[in-house]
Amino acid sequence: MGQATLAADKKRARRQNALIVFEDESGVSLLPSVRATWAPRGHTPVLRHRFNWKRLSLAGALAYEPDGRDAHLVFQLRPGAYNDATLIEFLDDLNELEQRQVVLIWDGLPSHHSARMRDWIASQRDWLQIEPLPGYAHDINPIEQVWGSLKSKELRNLCPDTLDEVADVAKDGLNRIGSDASLCFAFLRHSGLRL
């Protein structure tokens, strides 16, 4: 996404009082997100887990007011993977929650370009405008920082027995991030973007 394109999108969003929303999906499993930690000298920390690959998928939308006065996070957790049908449900929930014009910026996931998704987007033109990120540009999507923060704080070295435990911890972490507008703006700055 060139700076000229982004500048035009920001101006359009301000004119329409549209939220600027970065969306992405991620996943976690019962395997721990291994991170460095401390232990007494001579006692190597050991993580004990069951090597279970059960997976929980996360969808998140980092929403910024066009004038930069506020930011928040909308998220959803579900077992299994996201596809075009479940992403449409997530975006419908976003519309019901926000009830505003939205400029949605997302990556090139195949589900974002399926025939079903294209048809649905065409039927939502009254509130939704889509802007794609360039290929292989995860570093300029601020929601990637959300996933990194969650996995390096709340999910760090977590060895749960059930997906429900993972879901509870992930919700707590996502609520922490979503309630801290200054952190959400830090993620935007880290990606090299400004409103």
C-alpha atoms as a PDB file:
ATOM      1  CA  MET A   1       0.000   0.000   0.000  1.00  0.00           C
ATOM      2  CA  GLY A   2       1.691   3.190  -1.143  1.00  0.00           C
ATOM      3  CA  GLN A   3       1.680   6.353   0.968  1.00  0.00           C
ATOM      4  CA  ALA A   4      -0.469   8.122  -1.670  1.00  0.00           C
ATOM      5  CA  THR A   5      -3.056   5.332  -1.510  1.00  0.00           C
ATOM      6  CA  LEU A   6      -3.073   5.353   2.281  1.00  0.00           C
ATOM      7  CA  ALA A   7      -3.387   9.149   2.373  1.00  0.00           C
ATOM      8  CA  ALA A   8      -6.383   9.019   0.014  1.00  0.00           C
ATOM      9  CA  ASP A   9      -8.018   6.312   2.160  1.00  0.00           C
ATOM     10  CA  LYS A  10      -7.472   8.376   5.335  1.00  0.00           C
ATOM     11  CA  LYS A  11      -8.999  11.489   3.742  1.00  0.00           C
ATOM     12  CA  ARG A  12     -11.994   9.487   2.498  1.00  0.00           C
ATOM     13  CA  ALA A  13     -12.444   7.950   5.962  1.00  0.00           C
ATOM     14  CA  ARG A  14     -12.405  11.403   7.598  1.00  0.00           C
ATOM     15  CA  ARG A  15     -14.946  12.786   5.108  1.00  0.00           C
ATOM     16  CA  GLN A  16     -17.270   9.842   5.766  1.00  0.00           C
ATOM     17  CA  ASN A  17     -16.475   9.719   9.516  1.00  0.00           C
ATOM     18  CA  ALA A  18     -15.589   6.080   8.842  1.00  0.00           C
ATOM     19  CA  LEU A  19     -13.664   3.869  11.205  1.00  0.00           C
ATOM     20  CA  ILE A  20     -10.304   2.735   9.855  1.00  0.00           C
ATOM     21  CA  VAL A  21     -10.187  -0.965  10.673  1.00  0.00           C
ATOM     22  CA  PHE A  22      -7.282  -3.386  10.285  1.00  0.00           C
ATOM     23  CA  GLU A  23      -8.447  -7.024  10.339  1.00  0.00           C
ATOM     24  CA  ASP A  24      -6.516 -10.265  10.616  1.00  0.00           C
ATOM     25  CA  GLU A  25      -6.799 -13.841  11.836  1.00  0.00           C
ATOM     26  CA  SER A  26      -4.454 -15.848  14.023  1.00  0.00           C
ATOM     27  CA  GLY A  27      -4.445 -19.092  15.906  1.00  0.00           C
ATOM     28  CA  VAL A  28      -3.318 -20.648  19.146  1.00  0.00           C
ATOM     29  CA  SER A  29      -3.168 -24.253  20.263  1.00  0.00           C
ATOM     30  CA  LEU A  30      -2.633 -26.266  23.387  1.00  0.00           C
ATOM     31  CA  LEU A  31       1.085 -26.180  22.646  1.00  0.00           C
ATOM     32  CA  PRO A  32       2.753 -23.452  24.711  1.00  0.00           C
ATOM     33  CA  SER A  33       3.988 -20.225  23.144  1.00  0.00           C
ATOM     34  CA  VAL A  34       7.560 -20.657  24.359  1.00  0.00           C
ATOM     35  CA  ARG A  35       9.310 -17.486  25.529  1.00  0.00           C
ATOM     36  CA  ALA A  36      12.431 -16.787  27.560  1.00  0.00           C
ATOM     37  CA  THR A  37      11.892 -16.718  31.300  1.00  0.00           C
ATOM     38  CA  TRP A  38      13.762 -16.600  34.594  1.00  0.00           C
ATOM     39  CA  ALA A  39      14.632 -19.457  36.934  1.00  0.00           C
ATOM     40  CA  PRO A  40      16.938 -19.922  39.902  1.00  0.00           C
ATOM     41  CA  ARG A  41      20.559 -20.559  38.946  1.00  0.00           C
ATOM     42  CA  GLY A  42      21.063 -24.202  38.072  1.00  0.00           C
ATOM     43  CA  HIS A  43      17.332 -24.929  37.613  1.00  0.00           C
ATOM     44  CA  THR A  44      16.429 -24.935  33.931  1.00  0.00           C
ATOM     45  CA  PRO A  45      12.741 -24.075  33.464  1.00  0.00           C
ATOM     46  CA  VAL A  46      10.748 -26.982  32.051  1.00  0.00           C
ATOM     47  CA  LEU A  47       7.350 -26.721  30.358  1.00  0.00           C
ATOM     48  CA  ARG A  48       5.180 -29.800  30.757  1.00  0.00           C
ATOM     49  CA  HIS A  49       2.405 -30.177  28.224  1.00  0.00           C
ATOM     50  CA  ARG A  50       0.570 -32.914  26.350  1.00  0.00           C
ATOM     51  CA  PHE A  51       1.709 -32.180  22.750  1.00  0.00           C
ATOM     52  CA  ASN A  52      -1.916 -31.685  21.744  1.00  0.00           C
ATOM     53  CA  TRP A  53      -2.536 -29.809  18.494  1.00  0.00           C
ATOM     54  CA  LYS A  54      -6.132 -28.775  19.196  1.00  0.00           C
ATOM     55  CA  ARG A  55      -6.494 -25.290  17.815  1.00  0.00           C
ATOM     56  CA  LEU A  56      -8.410 -22.116  18.567  1.00  0.00           C
ATOM     57  CA  SER A  57      -8.719 -19.423  15.892  1.00  0.00           C
ATOM     58  CA  LEU A  58      -8.857 -15.698  16.571  1.00  0.00           C
ATOM     59  CA  ALA A  59     -10.212 -12.929  14.390  1.00  0.00           C
ATOM     60  CA  GLY A  60      -9.476  -9.364  15.362  1.00  0.00           C
ATOM     61  CA  ALA A  61     -10.321  -5.922  14.086  1.00  0.00           C
ATOM     62  CA  LEU A  62      -8.268  -2.992  15.357  1.00  0.00           C
ATOM     63  CA  ALA A  63     -10.494   0.067  14.833  1.00  0.00           C
ATOM     64  CA  TYR A  64      -9.268   3.667  14.789  1.00  0.00           C
ATOM     65  CA  GLU A  65     -11.361   6.818  14.769  1.00  0.00           C
ATOM     66  CA  PRO A  66     -10.516   8.820  11.628  1.00  0.00           C
ATOM     67  CA  ASP A  67      -9.498  11.866  13.680  1.00  0.00           C
ATOM     68  CA  GLY A  68      -7.224   9.757  15.913  1.00  0.00           C
ATOM     69  CA  ARG A  69      -9.097  10.405  19.162  1.00  0.00           C
ATOM     70  CA  ASP A  70      -9.745   6.743  20.041  1.00  0.00           C
ATOM     71  CA  ALA A  71      -8.920   3.149  19.149  1.00  0.00           C
ATOM     72  CA  HIS A  72     -10.300  -0.191  20.236  1.00  0.00           C
ATOM     73  CA  LEU A  73     -10.197  -3.894  19.459  1.00  0.00           C
ATOM     74  CA  VAL A  74     -13.070  -6.140  18.406  1.00  0.00           C
ATOM     75  CA  PHE A  75     -12.318  -9.873  18.454  1.00  0.00           C
ATOM     76  CA  GLN A  76     -13.849 -13.312  18.189  1.00  0.00           C
ATOM     77  CA  LEU A  77     -12.540 -16.752  19.167  1.00  0.00           C
ATOM     78  CA  ARG A  78     -13.663 -20.052  17.681  1.00  0.00           C
ATOM     79  CA  PRO A  79     -12.481 -23.655  17.470  1.00  0.00           C
ATOM     80  CA  GLY A  80     -11.118 -24.714  14.105  1.00  0.00           C
ATOM     81  CA  ALA A  81     -10.175 -22.336  11.311  1.00  0.00           C
ATOM     82  CA  TYR A  82     -11.812 -19.293   9.779  1.00  0.00           C
ATOM     83  CA  ASN A  83     -13.286 -19.499   6.291  1.00  0.00           C
ATOM     84  CA  ASP A  84     -15.344 -17.080   4.215  1.00  0.00           C
ATOM     85  CA  ALA A  85     -18.631 -17.961   5.987  1.00  0.00           C
ATOM     86  CA  THR A  86     -17.236 -17.482   9.494  1.00  0.00           C
ATOM     87  CA  LEU A  87     -15.438 -14.269   8.466  1.00  0.00           C
ATOM     88  CA  ILE A  88     -18.722 -12.914   7.117  1.00  0.00           C
ATOM     89  CA  GLU A  89     -20.299 -13.654  10.529  1.00  0.00           C
ATOM     90  CA  PHE A  90     -17.450 -11.770  12.216  1.00  0.00           C
ATOM     91  CA  LEU A  91     -17.858  -8.762   9.910  1.00  0.00           C
ATOM     92  CA  ASP A  92     -21.635  -8.797  10.431  1.00  0.00           C
ATOM     93  CA  ASP A  93     -21.003  -8.670  14.186  1.00  0.00           C
ATOM     94  CA  LEU A  94     -18.592  -5.758  13.615  1.00  0.00           C
ATOM     95  CA  ASN A  95     -21.278  -3.890  11.676  1.00  0.00           C
ATOM     96  CA  GLU A  96     -23.911  -4.503  14.368  1.00  0.00           C
ATOM     97  CA  LEU A  97     -21.501  -3.364  17.065  1.00  0.00           C
ATOM     98  CA  GLU A  98     -20.173  -0.239  15.342  1.00  0.00           C
ATOM     99  CA  GLN A  99     -23.087   0.777  13.077  1.00  0.00           C
ATOM    100  CA  ARG A 100     -20.803   3.134  11.164  1.00  0.00           C
ATOM    101  CA  GLN A 101     -19.023   3.490   7.884  1.00  0.00           C
ATOM    102  CA  VAL A 102     -15.923   1.270   7.872  1.00  0.00           C
ATOM    103  CA  VAL A 103     -12.795   1.304   5.741  1.00  0.00           C
ATOM    104  CA  LEU A 104     -11.542  -2.262   6.219  1.00  0.00           C
ATOM    105  CA  ILE A 105      -7.866  -2.968   5.513  1.00  0.00           C
ATOM    106  CA  TRP A 106      -6.883  -6.629   5.336  1.00  0.00           C
ATOM    107  CA  ASP A 107      -4.440  -9.062   3.767  1.00  0.00           C
ATOM    108  CA  GLY A 108      -4.760 -11.441   0.838  1.00  0.00           C
ATOM    109  CA  LEU A 109      -6.095 -14.504   2.665  1.00  0.00           C
ATOM    110  CA  PRO A 110      -7.929 -16.640   0.058  1.00  0.00           C
ATOM    111  CA  SER A 111     -11.142 -16.428   2.127  1.00  0.00           C
ATOM    112  CA  HIS A 112     -11.035 -12.646   1.653  1.00  0.00           C
ATOM    113  CA  HIS A 113     -11.306 -13.119  -2.129  1.00  0.00           C
ATOM    114  CA  SER A 114     -13.727 -16.035  -2.460  1.00  0.00           C
ATOM    115  CA  ALA A 115     -16.837 -15.702  -4.614  1.00  0.00           C
ATOM    116  CA  ARG A 116     -19.051 -15.818  -1.506  1.00  0.00           C
ATOM    117  CA  MET A 117     -17.026 -13.054   0.157  1.00  0.00           C
ATOM    118  CA  ARG A 118     -17.045 -10.883  -2.996  1.00  0.00           C
ATOM    119  CA  ASP A 119     -20.823 -11.240  -3.275  1.00  0.00           C
ATOM    120  CA  TRP A 120     -21.308 -10.405   0.396  1.00  0.00           C
ATOM    121  CA  ILE A 121     -19.017  -7.348   0.193  1.00  0.00           C
ATOM    122  CA  ALA A 122     -20.924  -6.121  -2.860  1.00  0.00           C
ATOM    123  CA  SER A 123     -24.148  -6.279  -0.820  1.00  0.00           C
ATOM    124  CA  GLN A 124     -22.569  -4.260   2.043  1.00  0.00           C
ATOM    125  CA  ARG A 125     -21.397  -1.203   0.063  1.00  0.00           C
ATOM    126  CA  ASP A 126     -23.610   1.102   2.164  1.00  0.00           C
ATOM    127  CA  TRP A 127     -21.257   0.738   5.167  1.00  0.00           C
ATOM    128  CA  LEU A 128     -18.160  -1.207   4.083  1.00  0.00           C
ATOM    129  CA  GLN A 129     -15.228  -0.291   1.882  1.00  0.00           C
ATOM    130  CA  ILE A 130     -12.360  -2.770   1.452  1.00  0.00           C
ATOM    131  CA  GLU A 131      -8.710  -1.814   0.948  1.00  0.00           C
ATOM    132  CA  PRO A 132      -6.212  -4.648   0.508  1.00  0.00           C
ATOM    133  CA  LEU A 133      -2.749  -4.717   2.015  1.00  0.00           C
ATOM    134  CA  PRO A 134       0.045  -5.501  -0.432  1.00  0.00           C
ATOM    135  CA  GLY A 135       1.280  -9.071  -0.539  1.00  0.00           C
ATOM    136  CA  TYR A 136       3.708 -10.148   2.186  1.00  0.00           C
ATOM    137  CA  ALA A 137       3.128  -6.927   4.144  1.00  0.00           C
ATOM    138  CA  HIS A 138       2.257  -8.324   7.565  1.00  0.00           C
ATOM    139  CA  ASP A 139       4.699  -5.832   9.103  1.00  0.00           C
ATOM    140  CA  ILE A 140       2.453  -2.887   8.212  1.00  0.00           C
ATOM    141  CA  ASN A 141      -0.691  -4.425   9.705  1.00  0.00           C
ATOM    142  CA  PRO A 142      -0.951  -3.204  13.336  1.00  0.00           C
ATOM    143  CA  ILE A 143      -3.152  -6.129  14.361  1.00  0.00           C
ATOM    144  CA  GLU A 144      -0.106  -8.369  13.966  1.00  0.00           C
ATOM    145  CA  GLN A 145       1.274  -6.524  17.001  1.00  0.00           C
ATOM    146  CA  VAL A 146      -1.878  -7.490  18.924  1.00  0.00           C
ATOM    147  CA  TRP A 147      -1.179 -11.177  18.297  1.00  0.00           C
ATOM    148  CA  GLY A 148       2.469 -10.706  19.284  1.00  0.00           C
ATOM    149  CA  SER A 149       1.554  -8.940  22.519  1.00  0.00           C
ATOM    150  CA  LEU A 150      -1.001 -11.609  23.439  1.00  0.00           C
ATOM    151  CA  LYS A 151       1.378 -14.494  22.744  1.00  0.00           C
ATOM    152  CA  SER A 152       4.317 -12.908  24.560  1.00  0.00           C
ATOM    153  CA  LYS A 153       2.357 -11.886  27.658  1.00  0.00           C
ATOM    154  CA  GLU A 154      -0.809 -13.813  28.566  1.00  0.00           C
ATOM    155  CA  LEU A 155      -0.084 -16.949  26.479  1.00  0.00           C
ATOM    156  CA  ARG A 156       3.659 -16.978  27.242  1.00  0.00           C
ATOM    157  CA  ASN A 157       4.720 -20.469  28.393  1.00  0.00           C
ATOM    158  CA  LEU A 158       1.082 -21.399  29.124  1.00  0.00           C
ATOM    159  CA  CYS A 159       0.589 -25.177  29.324  1.00  0.00           C
ATOM    160  CA  PRO A 160      -3.202 -25.601  29.429  1.00  0.00           C
ATOM    161  CA  ASP A 161      -5.135 -28.863  29.455  1.00  0.00           C
ATOM    162  CA  THR A 162      -8.183 -27.617  27.508  1.00  0.00           C
ATOM    163  CA  LEU A 163      -9.043 -25.132  24.791  1.00  0.00           C
ATOM    164  CA  ASP A 164     -11.421 -23.457  27.247  1.00  0.00           C
ATOM    165  CA  GLU A 165      -8.420 -22.508  29.400  1.00  0.00           C
ATOM    166  CA  VAL A 166      -6.659 -21.057  26.359  1.00  0.00           C
ATOM    167  CA  ALA A 167      -9.823 -19.168  25.380  1.00  0.00           C
ATOM    168  CA  ASP A 168     -10.222 -17.643  28.862  1.00  0.00           C
ATOM    169  CA  VAL A 169      -6.603 -16.474  28.990  1.00  0.00           C
ATOM    170  CA  ALA A 170      -6.744 -15.173  25.396  1.00  0.00           C
ATOM    171  CA  LYS A 171      -9.952 -13.219  26.111  1.00  0.00           C
ATOM    172  CA  ASP A 172      -8.333 -11.617  29.162  1.00  0.00           C
ATOM    173  CA  GLY A 173      -5.327 -10.612  27.079  1.00  0.00           C
ATOM    174  CA  LEU A 174      -7.399  -9.267  24.198  1.00  0.00           C
ATOM    175  CA  ASN A 175      -9.563  -7.309  26.639  1.00  0.00           C
ATOM    176  CA  ARG A 176      -6.369  -5.844  28.161  1.00  0.00           C
ATOM    177  CA  ILE A 177      -5.204  -4.713  24.724  1.00  0.00           C
ATOM    178  CA  GLY A 178      -8.611  -3.467  23.586  1.00  0.00           C
ATOM    179  CA  SER A 179      -9.102  -1.336  26.693  1.00  0.00           C
ATOM    180  CA  ASP A 180      -5.762   0.462  26.210  1.00  0.00           C
ATOM    181  CA  ALA A 181      -6.130   2.968  23.353  1.00  0.00           C
ATOM    182  CA  SER A 182      -2.564   4.203  23.790  1.00  0.00           C
ATOM    183  CA  LEU A 183      -1.295   0.650  23.238  1.00  0.00           C
ATOM    184  CA  CYS A 184      -3.449   0.334  20.109  1.00  0.00           C
ATOM    185  CA  PHE A 185      -1.937   3.579  18.797  1.00  0.00           C
ATOM    186  CA  ALA A 186       1.554   2.289  19.657  1.00  0.00           C
ATOM    187  CA  PHE A 187       0.851  -0.732  17.434  1.00  0.00           C
ATOM    188  CA  LEU A 188      -0.116   1.636  14.601  1.00  0.00           C
ATOM    189  CA  ARG A 189       3.098   3.667  15.033  1.00  0.00           C
ATOM    190  CA  HIS A 190       5.174   0.495  15.189  1.00  0.00           C
ATOM    191  CA  SER A 191       3.802  -0.508  11.787  1.00  0.00           C
ATOM    192  CA  GLY A 192       4.999   2.831  10.382  1.00  0.00           C
ATOM    193  CA  LEU A 193       1.499   4.207   9.759  1.00  0.00           C
ATOM    194  CA  ARG A 194      -0.259   7.337  11.013  1.00  0.00           C
ATOM    195  CA  LEU A 195      -3.844   8.534  10.936  1.00  0.00           C
END
